[in-house]
Amino acid sequence: MFIKNFGLFWRGDEIDWFPGKGNKGAFRLLGRQNANRPILRMADFRYQQGIYILYGNHGPYYVGLTMQGLGIRLKNHQADNLAGQWDRFSWFGFCSVLKGTDKDGLQQLGRMAKKALARPDNMIRDVEALLIRAMGLRNINQSNFSVADPWIQVKLDEVDTYFDRLW
């Protein structure tokens, strides 16, 4: 299926968009699955390709597609004509999270598939699930993605705690 993972209603104010120089010079879009070792997994979704939705006070405000990286697009929206119009976002990623980790213990993202072989009924279910989850709807039929995994945002005050738990 085309949606491999997703994050719902992440908060923009829980990301240090402009962290300064040094080791922490690059901002991150950290997500996690589970909370404790040995099953804790963390990944940086800054380079994720996919669809994203920005939300303001009155619900969905903007929908975008990014092939260059989710983090770059969201950071640009901090300074463009959408700045100040949104405070939350959901994202739906096309790249799988791989099993291996980098030197920081973070899961790496795979490459987006060149071709997708899927049954049309599964694709349609994924589109329905994306719309239901992106809009925060409470449908009677709460469709699920065929293969996508949910990721929880790692908030600013949790970053060190979860990195410590990885080791």
Protein backbone atom coordinates (compact mmCIF):
# COMPACT_ATOMS: atom_id res chain seq x y z
CA MET A 1 0.00 0.00 0.00
CA PHE A 2 1.13 3.55 -0.44
CA ILE A 3 0.79 4.74 3.19
CA LYS A 4 3.51 3.07 5.28
CA ASN A 5 3.32 5.10 8.52
CA PHE A 6 1.60 8.16 9.90
CA GLY A 7 1.48 10.69 12.70
CA LEU A 8 -1.75 12.33 13.78
CA PHE A 9 -2.19 15.86 15.11
CA TRP A 10 1.44 16.53 15.98
CA ARG A 11 2.02 19.94 17.55
CA GLY A 12 4.17 22.50 15.77
CA ASP A 13 5.21 24.11 19.05
CA GLU A 14 6.77 20.81 20.16
CA ILE A 15 9.43 21.07 17.45
CA ASP A 16 12.56 23.21 17.74
CA TRP A 17 12.47 24.52 14.17
CA PHE A 18 15.58 26.70 14.55
CA PRO A 19 17.85 24.97 17.11
CA GLY A 20 21.09 26.83 16.31
CA LYS A 21 24.56 25.46 15.63
CA GLY A 22 26.45 22.48 17.02
CA ASN A 23 25.41 18.85 17.37
CA LYS A 24 21.79 19.82 17.61
CA GLY A 25 21.98 22.22 14.65
CA ALA A 26 19.39 20.34 12.59
CA PHE A 27 15.82 20.19 13.75
CA ARG A 28 14.12 16.79 13.91
CA LEU A 29 10.61 15.43 13.55
CA LEU A 30 10.92 12.66 16.10
CA GLY A 31 8.30 9.99 16.44
CA ARG A 32 8.17 6.92 18.61
CA GLN A 33 6.44 3.60 18.98
CA ASN A 34 6.11 2.25 22.50
CA ALA A 35 7.72 3.88 25.51
CA ASN A 36 10.28 1.52 27.03
CA ARG A 37 13.08 -0.82 26.05
CA PRO A 38 13.34 -3.26 24.43
CA ILE A 39 10.40 -2.42 22.16
CA LEU A 40 10.87 1.37 22.03
CA ARG A 41 11.50 2.57 18.48
CA MET A 42 12.26 6.15 17.45
CA ALA A 43 12.61 7.67 13.99
CA ASP A 44 13.22 11.08 12.50
CA PHE A 45 10.55 11.80 9.89
CA ARG A 46 12.19 14.99 8.62
CA TYR A 47 12.93 13.35 5.25
CA GLN A 48 9.66 11.44 4.96
CA GLN A 49 7.85 11.77 1.65
CA GLY A 50 4.09 11.84 1.66
CA ILE A 51 0.97 13.83 2.31
CA TYR A 52 0.50 16.28 5.16
CA ILE A 53 -2.36 18.32 6.55
CA LEU A 54 -1.97 21.56 8.51
CA TYR A 55 -4.64 22.40 11.09
CA GLY A 56 -5.66 25.75 12.53
CA ASN A 57 -8.30 26.69 15.08
CA HIS A 58 -11.13 25.74 12.77
CA GLY A 59 -9.86 22.37 11.57
CA PRO A 60 -7.95 21.42 8.43
CA TYR A 61 -6.35 24.48 6.86
CA TYR A 62 -3.99 23.22 4.15
CA VAL A 63 -3.12 19.92 2.44
CA GLY A 64 0.24 19.34 0.81
CA LEU A 65 2.30 16.66 -0.89
CA THR A 66 6.03 16.50 -0.31
CA MET A 67 8.58 14.57 -2.28
CA GLN A 68 11.54 16.59 -0.94
CA GLY A 69 10.95 15.88 2.73
CA LEU A 70 8.24 16.57 5.26
CA GLY A 71 10.50 18.59 7.55
CA ILE A 72 11.60 20.97 4.82
CA ARG A 73 8.03 21.68 3.76
CA LEU A 74 6.82 22.21 7.33
CA LYS A 75 9.77 24.45 8.17
CA ASN A 76 9.07 26.53 5.05
CA HIS A 77 5.48 26.94 6.22
CA GLN A 78 6.85 28.58 9.38
CA ALA A 79 7.88 31.58 7.25
CA ASP A 80 5.59 31.62 4.19
CA ASN A 81 2.01 32.85 3.73
CA LEU A 82 0.79 29.99 5.98
CA ALA A 83 2.91 31.10 8.97
CA GLY A 84 0.79 31.62 12.06
CA GLN A 85 -2.24 29.98 10.45
CA TRP A 86 -1.59 26.48 11.75
CA ASP A 87 -0.42 24.88 14.99
CA ARG A 88 -0.88 21.13 14.38
CA PHE A 89 -0.23 18.76 11.52
CA SER A 90 -0.81 15.16 10.50
CA TRP A 91 1.37 13.30 8.05
CA PHE A 92 1.04 10.13 6.02
CA GLY A 93 4.33 8.68 4.81
CA PHE A 94 5.22 6.80 1.65
CA CYS A 95 8.61 5.52 2.93
CA SER A 96 8.86 2.52 5.26
CA VAL A 97 10.71 2.65 8.56
CA LEU A 98 13.57 0.14 8.35
CA LYS A 99 14.61 -2.30 11.06
CA GLY A 100 18.22 -1.08 11.46
CA THR A 101 19.27 1.97 13.46
CA ASP A 102 21.80 4.74 13.00
CA LYS A 103 24.55 5.80 15.45
CA ASP A 104 21.95 7.65 17.58
CA GLY A 105 19.68 4.60 17.83
CA LEU A 106 17.07 6.02 15.45
CA GLN A 107 15.29 3.84 12.90
CA GLN A 108 16.08 4.85 9.34
CA LEU A 109 13.62 5.54 6.54
CA GLY A 110 13.69 3.46 3.39
CA ARG A 111 13.27 4.76 -0.11
CA MET A 112 9.90 5.30 -1.67
CA ALA A 113 8.87 2.38 -3.89
CA LYS A 114 9.30 2.93 -7.62
CA LYS A 115 6.21 0.82 -8.32
CA ALA A 116 3.30 -0.11 -6.13
CA LEU A 117 1.44 -3.32 -6.71
CA ALA A 118 -1.75 -3.28 -4.75
CA ARG A 119 -5.29 -4.44 -5.04
CA PRO A 120 -7.67 -1.58 -5.83
CA ASP A 121 -9.90 -2.38 -2.84
CA ASN A 122 -6.90 -2.04 -0.49
CA MET A 123 -5.90 1.27 -2.09
CA ILE A 124 -9.44 2.58 -1.71
CA ARG A 125 -9.47 1.53 1.98
CA ASP A 126 -6.17 3.36 2.52
CA VAL A 127 -7.59 6.55 1.00
CA GLU A 128 -10.68 6.25 3.19
CA ALA A 129 -8.55 5.64 6.29
CA LEU A 130 -6.36 8.65 5.44
CA LEU A 131 -9.37 10.96 5.11
CA ILE A 132 -11.09 9.70 8.26
CA ARG A 133 -7.93 10.03 10.37
CA ALA A 134 -6.80 13.32 8.85
CA MET A 135 -10.15 14.93 9.56
CA GLY A 136 -10.39 13.45 13.06
CA LEU A 137 -13.77 11.97 12.20
CA ARG A 138 -15.63 9.46 14.33
CA ASN A 139 -17.06 7.28 11.58
CA ILE A 140 -18.93 4.16 12.56
CA ASN A 141 -16.64 2.32 10.14
CA GLN A 142 -13.21 3.30 11.48
CA SER A 143 -11.14 2.10 8.52
CA ASN A 144 -7.55 1.10 9.13
CA PHE A 145 -4.60 1.30 6.80
CA SER A 146 -3.58 -1.95 5.18
CA VAL A 147 0.01 -1.84 6.43
CA ALA A 148 0.71 1.62 7.95
CA ASP A 149 2.05 2.00 11.49
CA PRO A 150 1.12 4.93 13.76
CA TRP A 151 3.93 6.99 15.29
CA ILE A 152 3.56 9.24 18.33
CA GLN A 153 5.25 12.62 18.41
CA VAL A 154 8.21 12.94 20.77
CA LYS A 155 7.69 16.28 22.53
CA LEU A 156 10.53 18.69 23.27
CA ASP A 157 10.69 17.85 26.97
CA GLU A 158 10.70 14.09 26.21
CA VAL A 159 13.57 13.95 23.70
CA ASP A 160 16.40 13.26 26.17
CA THR A 161 14.30 10.76 28.13
CA TYR A 162 13.54 8.66 25.06
CA PHE A 163 17.10 8.85 23.72
CA ASP A 164 18.32 7.59 27.12
CA ARG A 165 15.86 4.70 26.91
CA LEU A 166 17.17 3.65 23.50
CA TRP A 167 20.48 2.72 25.10
